[in-house]
Amino acid sequence: KKLRATPQQHDTIGMVAVDAKNNISGACTTSG
């Protein structure tokens, strides 16, 4: 519960997606 309320304790955002043409891409970024 505390973790959800304090984003600074998370690390990294990874994101992957499929578009309308059924093509896939992804990105990942962090300060480590």
ModelCIF file with pLDDT and N, C-alpha, C, O atoms, coordinates in Angstrom:
data_MODEL
#
_entry.id   MODEL 
#
_entity.id                         1 
_entity.type                       polymer 
_entity.pdbx_number_of_molecules   1 
#
_entity_poly.entity_id                      1 
_entity_poly.type                           'polypeptide(L)' 
_entity_poly.nstd_linkage                   no 
_entity_poly.nstd_monomer                   no 
_entity_poly.pdbx_seq_one_letter_code       KKLRATPQQHDTIGMVAVDAKNNISGACTTSG 
_entity_poly.pdbx_seq_one_letter_code_can   KKLRATPQQHDTIGMVAVDAKNNISGACTTSG 
_entity_poly.pdbx_strand_id                 A 
#
loop_
_entity_poly_seq.entity_id 
_entity_poly_seq.num 
_entity_poly_seq.mon_id 
_entity_poly_seq.hetero 
1 1  LYS n 
1 2  LYS n 
1 3  LEU n 
1 4  ARG n 
1 5  ALA n 
1 6  THR n 
1 7  PRO n 
1 8  GLN n 
1 9  GLN n 
1 10 HIS n 
1 11 ASP n 
1 12 THR n 
1 13 ILE n 
1 14 GLY n 
1 15 MET n 
1 16 VAL n 
1 17 ALA n 
1 18 VAL n 
1 19 ASP n 
1 20 ALA n 
1 21 LYS n 
1 22 ASN n 
1 23 ASN n 
1 24 ILE n 
1 25 SER n 
1 26 GLY n 
1 27 ALA n 
1 28 CYS n 
1 29 THR n 
1 30 THR n 
1 31 SER n 
1 32 GLY n 
#
_struct_asym.id          A 
_struct_asym.entity_id   1 
#
loop_
_ma_qa_metric.id 
_ma_qa_metric.mode 
_ma_qa_metric.name 
_ma_qa_metric.software_group_id 
_ma_qa_metric.type 
1 global pLDDT . pLDDT 
2 local  pLDDT . pLDDT 
#
_ma_qa_metric_global.metric_id      1 
_ma_qa_metric_global.metric_value   78.56 
_ma_qa_metric_global.model_id       1 
_ma_qa_metric_global.ordinal_id     1 
#
loop_
_ma_qa_metric_local.label_asym_id 
_ma_qa_metric_local.label_comp_id 
_ma_qa_metric_local.label_seq_id 
_ma_qa_metric_local.metric_id 
_ma_qa_metric_local.metric_value 
_ma_qa_metric_local.model_id 
_ma_qa_metric_local.ordinal_id 
A LYS 1  2 43.00 1 1  
A LYS 2  2 41.00 1 2  
A LEU 3  2 38.00 1 3  
A ARG 4  2 42.00 1 4  
A ALA 5  2 42.00 1 5  
A THR 6  2 41.00 1 6  
A PRO 7  2 35.00 1 7  
A GLN 8  2 36.00 1 8  
A GLN 9  2 41.00 1 9  
A HIS 10 2 48.00 1 10 
A ASP 11 2 69.00 1 11 
A THR 12 2 89.00 1 12 
A ILE 13 2 97.00 1 13 
A GLY 14 2 98.00 1 14 
A MET 15 2 98.00 1 15 
A VAL 16 2 98.00 1 16 
A ALA 17 2 98.00 1 17 
A VAL 18 2 98.00 1 18 
A ASP 19 2 98.00 1 19 
A ALA 20 2 97.00 1 20 
A LYS 21 2 97.00 1 21 
A ASN 22 2 97.00 1 22 
A ASN 23 2 98.00 1 23 
A ILE 24 2 98.00 1 24 
A SER 25 2 98.00 1 25 
A GLY 26 2 98.00 1 26 
A ALA 27 2 98.00 1 27 
A CYS 28 2 98.00 1 28 
A THR 29 2 98.00 1 29 
A THR 30 2 97.00 1 30 
A SER 31 2 96.00 1 31 
A GLY 32 2 94.00 1 32 
#
loop_
_atom_site.group_PDB 
_atom_site.id 
_atom_site.type_symbol 
_atom_site.label_atom_id 
_atom_site.label_alt_id 
_atom_site.label_comp_id 
_atom_site.label_asym_id 
_atom_site.label_entity_id 
_atom_site.label_seq_id 
_atom_site.pdbx_PDB_ins_code 
_atom_site.Cartn_x 
_atom_site.Cartn_y 
_atom_site.Cartn_z 
_atom_site.occupancy 
_atom_site.B_iso_or_equiv 
_atom_site.pdbx_formal_charge 
_atom_site.auth_seq_id 
_atom_site.auth_comp_id 
_atom_site.auth_asym_id 
_atom_site.auth_atom_id 
_atom_site.pdbx_PDB_model_num 
ATOM 1   N N  . LYS A 1 1  ? 0.827  -1.203 0.000   1.00 43.00 ? 1  LYS A N  1 
ATOM 2   C CA . LYS A 1 1  ? 0.000  0.000  0.000   1.00 43.00 ? 1  LYS A CA 1 
ATOM 3   C C  . LYS A 1 1  ? 0.864  1.256  0.000   1.00 43.00 ? 1  LYS A C  1 
ATOM 4   O O  . LYS A 1 1  ? 0.591  2.208  -0.731  1.00 43.00 ? 1  LYS A O  1 
ATOM 5   N N  . LYS A 1 2  ? 1.890  1.248  0.813   1.00 41.00 ? 2  LYS A N  1 
ATOM 6   C CA . LYS A 1 2  ? 2.793  2.399  0.864   1.00 41.00 ? 2  LYS A CA 1 
ATOM 7   C C  . LYS A 1 2  ? 3.492  2.581  -0.469  1.00 41.00 ? 2  LYS A C  1 
ATOM 8   O O  . LYS A 1 2  ? 3.705  3.705  -0.924  1.00 41.00 ? 2  LYS A O  1 
ATOM 9   N N  . LEU A 1 3  ? 3.844  1.477  -1.085  1.00 38.00 ? 3  LEU A N  1 
ATOM 10  C CA . LEU A 1 3  ? 4.556  1.519  -2.365  1.00 38.00 ? 3  LEU A CA 1 
ATOM 11  C C  . LEU A 1 3  ? 3.722  2.216  -3.428  1.00 38.00 ? 3  LEU A C  1 
ATOM 12  O O  . LEU A 1 3  ? 4.240  3.030  -4.193  1.00 38.00 ? 3  LEU A O  1 
ATOM 13  N N  . ARG A 1 4  ? 2.435  1.902  -3.479  1.00 42.00 ? 4  ARG A N  1 
ATOM 14  C CA . ARG A 1 4  ? 1.566  2.524  -4.470  1.00 42.00 ? 4  ARG A CA 1 
ATOM 15  C C  . ARG A 1 4  ? 1.430  4.014  -4.220  1.00 42.00 ? 4  ARG A C  1 
ATOM 16  O O  . ARG A 1 4  ? 1.244  4.781  -5.165  1.00 42.00 ? 4  ARG A O  1 
ATOM 17  N N  . ALA A 1 5  ? 1.519  4.440  -2.964  1.00 42.00 ? 5  ALA A N  1 
ATOM 18  C CA . ALA A 1 5  ? 1.350  5.850  -2.629  1.00 42.00 ? 5  ALA A CA 1 
ATOM 19  C C  . ALA A 1 5  ? 2.635  6.646  -2.796  1.00 42.00 ? 5  ALA A C  1 
ATOM 20  O O  . ALA A 1 5  ? 2.619  7.877  -2.762  1.00 42.00 ? 5  ALA A O  1 
ATOM 21  N N  . THR A 1 6  ? 3.756  5.939  -2.977  1.00 41.00 ? 6  THR A N  1 
ATOM 22  C CA . THR A 1 6  ? 5.041  6.635  -3.078  1.00 41.00 ? 6  THR A CA 1 
ATOM 23  C C  . THR A 1 6  ? 5.796  6.118  -4.291  1.00 41.00 ? 6  THR A C  1 
ATOM 24  O O  . THR A 1 6  ? 6.614  5.206  -4.170  1.00 41.00 ? 6  THR A O  1 
ATOM 25  N N  . PRO A 1 7  ? 5.527  6.695  -5.466  1.00 35.00 ? 7  PRO A N  1 
ATOM 26  C CA . PRO A 1 7  ? 6.135  6.199  -6.704  1.00 35.00 ? 7  PRO A CA 1 
ATOM 27  C C  . PRO A 1 7  ? 7.654  6.162  -6.673  1.00 35.00 ? 7  PRO A C  1 
ATOM 28  O O  . PRO A 1 7  ? 8.267  5.396  -7.416  1.00 35.00 ? 7  PRO A O  1 
ATOM 29  N N  . GLN A 1 8  ? 8.278  6.986  -5.815  1.00 36.00 ? 8  GLN A N  1 
ATOM 30  C CA . GLN A 1 8  ? 9.726  7.019  -5.804  1.00 36.00 ? 8  GLN A CA 1 
ATOM 31  C C  . GLN A 1 8  ? 10.330 5.687  -5.381  1.00 36.00 ? 8  GLN A C  1 
ATOM 32  O O  . GLN A 1 8  ? 11.518 5.452  -5.603  1.00 36.00 ? 8  GLN A O  1 
ATOM 33  N N  . GLN A 1 9  ? 9.531  4.812  -4.775  1.00 41.00 ? 9  GLN A N  1 
ATOM 34  C CA . GLN A 1 9  ? 10.067 3.520  -4.372  1.00 41.00 ? 9  GLN A CA 1 
ATOM 35  C C  . GLN A 1 9  ? 10.026 2.509  -5.517  1.00 41.00 ? 9  GLN A C  1 
ATOM 36  O O  . GLN A 1 9  ? 10.610 1.429  -5.426  1.00 41.00 ? 9  GLN A O  1 
ATOM 37  N N  . HIS A 1 10 ? 9.338  2.868  -6.579  1.00 48.00 ? 10 HIS A N  1 
ATOM 38  C CA . HIS A 1 10 ? 9.346  2.005  -7.756  1.00 48.00 ? 10 HIS A CA 1 
ATOM 39  C C  . HIS A 1 10 ? 10.631 2.228  -8.537  1.00 48.00 ? 10 HIS A C  1 
ATOM 40  O O  . HIS A 1 10 ? 11.361 3.186  -8.281  1.00 48.00 ? 10 HIS A O  1 
ATOM 41  N N  . ASP A 1 11 ? 10.900 1.366  -9.464  1.00 69.00 ? 11 ASP A N  1 
ATOM 42  C CA . ASP A 1 11 ? 12.031 1.635  -10.340 1.00 69.00 ? 11 ASP A CA 1 
ATOM 43  C C  . ASP A 1 11 ? 11.671 1.242  -11.749 1.00 69.00 ? 11 ASP A C  1 
ATOM 44  O O  . ASP A 1 11 ? 11.074 0.192  -11.985 1.00 69.00 ? 11 ASP A O  1 
ATOM 45  N N  . THR A 1 12 ? 12.038 2.091  -12.681 1.00 89.00 ? 12 THR A N  1 
ATOM 46  C CA . THR A 1 12 ? 11.919 1.781  -14.108 1.00 89.00 ? 12 THR A CA 1 
ATOM 47  C C  . THR A 1 12 ? 10.475 1.860  -14.609 1.00 89.00 ? 12 THR A C  1 
ATOM 48  O O  . THR A 1 12 ? 9.531  1.509  -13.902 1.00 89.00 ? 12 THR A O  1 
ATOM 49  N N  . ILE A 1 13 ? 10.335 2.327  -15.836 1.00 97.00 ? 13 ILE A N  1 
ATOM 50  C CA . ILE A 1 13 ? 9.106  2.061  -16.580 1.00 97.00 ? 13 ILE A CA 1 
ATOM 51  C C  . ILE A 1 13 ? 9.488  1.291  -17.824 1.00 97.00 ? 13 ILE A C  1 
ATOM 52  O O  . ILE A 1 13 ? 10.314 1.736  -18.622 1.00 97.00 ? 13 ILE A O  1 
ATOM 53  N N  . GLY A 1 14 ? 8.876  0.133  -17.978 1.00 98.00 ? 14 GLY A N  1 
ATOM 54  C CA . GLY A 1 14 ? 8.976  -0.643 -19.212 1.00 98.00 ? 14 GLY A CA 1 
ATOM 55  C C  . GLY A 1 14 ? 7.613  -0.609 -19.875 1.00 98.00 ? 14 GLY A C  1 
ATOM 56  O O  . GLY A 1 14 ? 6.593  -0.758 -19.201 1.00 98.00 ? 14 GLY A O  1 
ATOM 57  N N  . MET A 1 15 ? 7.580  -0.418 -21.175 1.00 98.00 ? 15 MET A N  1 
ATOM 58  C CA . MET A 1 15 ? 6.312  -0.324 -21.899 1.00 98.00 ? 15 MET A CA 1 
ATOM 59  C C  . MET A 1 15 ? 6.428  -1.027 -23.242 1.00 98.00 ? 15 MET A C  1 
ATOM 60  O O  . MET A 1 15 ? 7.399  -0.820 -23.970 1.00 98.00 ? 15 MET A O  1 
ATOM 61  N N  . VAL A 1 16 ? 5.434  -1.867 -23.579 1.00 98.00 ? 16 VAL A N  1 
ATOM 62  C CA . VAL A 1 16 ? 5.393  -2.530 -24.877 1.00 98.00 ? 16 VAL A CA 1 
ATOM 63  C C  . VAL A 1 16 ? 3.992  -2.365 -25.443 1.00 98.00 ? 16 VAL A C  1 
ATOM 64  O O  . VAL A 1 16 ? 3.015  -2.321 -24.694 1.00 98.00 ? 16 VAL A O  1 
ATOM 65  N N  . ALA A 1 17 ? 3.892  -2.275 -26.766 1.00 98.00 ? 17 ALA A N  1 
ATOM 66  C CA . ALA A 1 17 ? 2.608  -1.969 -27.385 1.00 98.00 ? 17 ALA A CA 1 
ATOM 67  C C  . ALA A 1 17 ? 2.458  -2.650 -28.738 1.00 98.00 ? 17 ALA A C  1 
ATOM 68  O O  . ALA A 1 17 ? 3.437  -2.916 -29.435 1.00 98.00 ? 17 ALA A O  1 
ATOM 69  N N  . VAL A 1 18 ? 1.197  -2.926 -29.092 1.00 98.00 ? 18 VAL A N  1 
ATOM 70  C CA . VAL A 1 18 ? 0.816  -3.417 -30.412 1.00 98.00 ? 18 VAL A CA 1 
ATOM 71  C C  . VAL A 1 18 ? -0.093 -2.363 -31.023 1.00 98.00 ? 18 VAL A C  1 
ATOM 72  O O  . VAL A 1 18 ? -1.054 -1.936 -30.382 1.00 98.00 ? 18 VAL A O  1 
ATOM 73  N N  . ASP A 1 19 ? 0.192  -1.931 -32.255 1.00 98.00 ? 19 ASP A N  1 
ATOM 74  C CA . ASP A 1 19 ? -0.626 -0.885 -32.865 1.00 98.00 ? 19 ASP A CA 1 
ATOM 75  C C  . ASP A 1 19 ? -1.707 -1.466 -33.784 1.00 98.00 ? 19 ASP A C  1 
ATOM 76  O O  . ASP A 1 19 ? -1.855 -2.683 -33.892 1.00 98.00 ? 19 ASP A O  1 
ATOM 77  N N  . ALA A 1 20 ? -2.453 -0.581 -34.440 1.00 97.00 ? 20 ALA A N  1 
ATOM 78  C CA . ALA A 1 20 ? -3.578 -1.007 -35.267 1.00 97.00 ? 20 ALA A CA 1 
ATOM 79  C C  . ALA A 1 20 ? -3.141 -1.831 -36.474 1.00 97.00 ? 20 ALA A C  1 
ATOM 80  O O  . ALA A 1 20 ? -3.938 -2.584 -37.033 1.00 97.00 ? 20 ALA A O  1 
ATOM 81  N N  . LYS A 1 21 ? -1.875 -1.693 -36.880 1.00 97.00 ? 21 LYS A N  1 
ATOM 82  C CA . LYS A 1 21 ? -1.344 -2.482 -37.987 1.00 97.00 ? 21 LYS A CA 1 
ATOM 83  C C  . LYS A 1 21 ? -0.747 -3.800 -37.508 1.00 97.00 ? 21 LYS A C  1 
ATOM 84  O O  . LYS A 1 21 ? -0.143 -4.542 -38.283 1.00 97.00 ? 21 LYS A O  1 
ATOM 85  N N  . ASN A 1 22 ? -0.926 -4.076 -36.220 1.00 97.00 ? 22 ASN A N  1 
ATOM 86  C CA . ASN A 1 22 ? -0.425 -5.300 -35.601 1.00 97.00 ? 22 ASN A CA 1 
ATOM 87  C C  . ASN A 1 22 ? 1.097  -5.341 -35.528 1.00 97.00 ? 22 ASN A C  1 
ATOM 88  O O  . ASN A 1 22 ? 1.698  -6.415 -35.511 1.00 97.00 ? 22 ASN A O  1 
ATOM 89  N N  . ASN A 1 23 ? 1.712  -4.167 -35.487 1.00 98.00 ? 23 ASN A N  1 
ATOM 90  C CA . ASN A 1 23 ? 3.153  -4.065 -35.294 1.00 98.00 ? 23 ASN A CA 1 
ATOM 91  C C  . ASN A 1 23 ? 3.456  -3.751 -33.830 1.00 98.00 ? 23 ASN A C  1 
ATOM 92  O O  . ASN A 1 23 ? 2.668  -3.105 -33.139 1.00 98.00 ? 23 ASN A O  1 
ATOM 93  N N  . ILE A 1 24 ? 4.612  -4.222 -33.379 1.00 98.00 ? 24 ILE A N  1 
ATOM 94  C CA . ILE A 1 24 ? 4.965  -4.174 -31.959 1.00 98.00 ? 24 ILE A CA 1 
ATOM 95  C C  . ILE A 1 24 ? 6.232  -3.355 -31.750 1.00 98.00 ? 24 ILE A C  1 
ATOM 96  O O  . ILE A 1 24 ? 7.174  -3.447 -32.537 1.00 98.00 ? 24 ILE A O  1 
ATOM 97  N N  . SER A 1 25 ? 6.253  -2.549 -30.684 1.00 98.00 ? 25 SER A N  1 
ATOM 98  C CA . SER A 1 25 ? 7.458  -1.829 -30.283 1.00 98.00 ? 25 SER A CA 1 
ATOM 99  C C  . SER A 1 25 ? 7.505  -1.754 -28.762 1.00 98.00 ? 25 SER A C  1 
ATOM 100 O O  . SER A 1 25 ? 6.521  -2.050 -28.085 1.00 98.00 ? 25 SER A O  1 
ATOM 101 N N  . GLY A 1 26 ? 8.661  -1.354 -28.231 1.00 98.00 ? 26 GLY A N  1 
ATOM 102 C CA . GLY A 1 26 ? 8.790  -1.232 -26.787 1.00 98.00 ? 26 GLY A CA 1 
ATOM 103 C C  . GLY A 1 26 ? 9.846  -0.220 -26.398 1.00 98.00 ? 26 GLY A C  1 
ATOM 104 O O  . GLY A 1 26 ? 10.708 0.143  -27.200 1.00 98.00 ? 26 GLY A O  1 
ATOM 105 N N  . ALA A 1 27 ? 9.767  0.235  -25.140 1.00 98.00 ? 27 ALA A N  1 
ATOM 106 C CA . ALA A 1 27 ? 10.752 1.167  -24.592 1.00 98.00 ? 27 ALA A CA 1 
ATOM 107 C C  . ALA A 1 27 ? 10.914 0.890  -23.111 1.00 98.00 ? 27 ALA A C  1 
ATOM 108 O O  . ALA A 1 27 ? 10.006 0.381  -22.453 1.00 98.00 ? 27 ALA A O  1 
ATOM 109 N N  . CYS A 1 28 ? 12.082 1.232  -22.598 1.00 98.00 ? 28 CYS A N  1 
ATOM 110 C CA . CYS A 1 28 ? 12.367 1.047  -21.176 1.00 98.00 ? 28 CYS A CA 1 
ATOM 111 C C  . CYS A 1 28 ? 13.294 2.174  -20.743 1.00 98.00 ? 28 CYS A C  1 
ATOM 112 O O  . CYS A 1 28 ? 14.270 2.468  -21.433 1.00 98.00 ? 28 CYS A O  1 
ATOM 113 N N  . THR A 1 29 ? 13.003 2.809  -19.609 1.00 98.00 ? 29 THR A N  1 
ATOM 114 C CA . THR A 1 29 ? 13.827 3.946  -19.183 1.00 98.00 ? 29 THR A CA 1 
ATOM 115 C C  . THR A 1 29 ? 13.869 4.046  -17.666 1.00 98.00 ? 29 THR A C  1 
ATOM 116 O O  . THR A 1 29 ? 12.890 3.714  -16.997 1.00 98.00 ? 29 THR A O  1 
ATOM 117 N N  . THR A 1 30 ? 14.989 4.499  -17.117 1.00 97.00 ? 30 THR A N  1 
ATOM 118 C CA . THR A 1 30 ? 15.176 4.515  -15.665 1.00 97.00 ? 30 THR A CA 1 
ATOM 119 C C  . THR A 1 30 ? 16.345 5.407  -15.267 1.00 97.00 ? 30 THR A C  1 
ATOM 120 O O  . THR A 1 30 ? 17.198 5.736  -16.091 1.00 97.00 ? 30 THR A O  1 
ATOM 121 N N  . SER A 1 31 ? 16.372 5.793  -14.000 1.00 96.00 ? 31 SER A N  1 
ATOM 122 C CA . SER A 1 31 ? 17.570 6.418  -13.427 1.00 96.00 ? 31 SER A CA 1 
ATOM 123 C C  . SER A 1 31 ? 18.347 5.401  -12.602 1.00 96.00 ? 31 SER A C  1 
ATOM 124 O O  . SER A 1 31 ? 19.363 5.734  -11.991 1.00 96.00 ? 31 SER A O  1 
ATOM 125 N N  . GLY A 1 32 ? 17.878 4.183  -12.585 1.00 94.00 ? 32 GLY A N  1 
ATOM 126 C CA . GLY A 1 32 ? 18.627 3.100  -11.947 1.00 94.00 ? 32 GLY A CA 1 
ATOM 127 C C  . GLY A 1 32 ? 18.470 3.061  -10.438 1.00 94.00 ? 32 GLY A C  1 
ATOM 128 O O  . GLY A 1 32 ? 19.049 2.196  -9.780  1.00 94.00 ? 32 GLY A O  1 
#
